[in-house]
């Protein structure tokens, strides 16, 4: 008799977790259906959409994507600039604050931290009007700064909360060894703590970019000039720019999603590591 060949690893995993994979497959399918409908409609003329709204229709109207790109190209660049500035600024300030609260001892440290953390429990809509008045008095309306400075000020609290928990979990022996080798406070922070925190920093960066990319309410109130509209606001106005042509609108929605898809593909490994390494446990 021939000995049974051992099953491949992937088949063992599949057999062991068949139920989990089944429900995950169903969820993936349900999530993919709206995306397929969007892609299908984005390749239709208005007549094709009216006669066959959901299925694919030939010939494909690739001009929809060209027109949508010409409408969105500058707003995509605006959003990329704003997202980069907000992410770098908020993570820089949050990491500095988190390091101070996690590794330095001073009177009232915990009380001050919980006071700062209390800002998270204040709904943003309660301060929305006052923030608009404040940026108007500062002369920031219709500038890039109005979409950068207030968001940095309001988003770093959560990041500080997460990073403080991560920094507090770093072994003191590692930091002491660096100090014995002559590293000062700045060197310990930049050469030891931050490199060890790359997974959680990448996770927070992806979440922050996604949040800024989808922000439309704040720019709608503070920005009226078309030249500096972010992508989410420009997508909101697609119907007025393209009329009732549903195919071109769907092409615009699909184009607006591509940069975030690319971002997740590039940083998916770090993103998953940040979620599964225990960094988000507090």
Foldseek 3Di string as FASTA:
>chain_A
DDDDDDDDPVVVVCVVPVVVVVVVVVVVVVVCQVVQQLVQLLQDWLVCCVVPVRDHDPPGRCVLLVVLCVLQVLQAVLLVVQLVLQLVLLLVVLLVLLLCLQPPDDPCSVVVLVVLLCLVVDDPVVCLVVLLVVCVVVVNFAHSVLLHVVSSVNPNSVVSVLNNLLNNPDDPVVLVVVVVVPDDPVCCSPVPVVVVCQLQSLQVSLVSSVVSLQDAPSCVSRHDDSSNNHNNNSLVCVCVVPPPGSSSSSSNVVVSCVVSVVSCVVCVVSNVCSVPVCSRPD
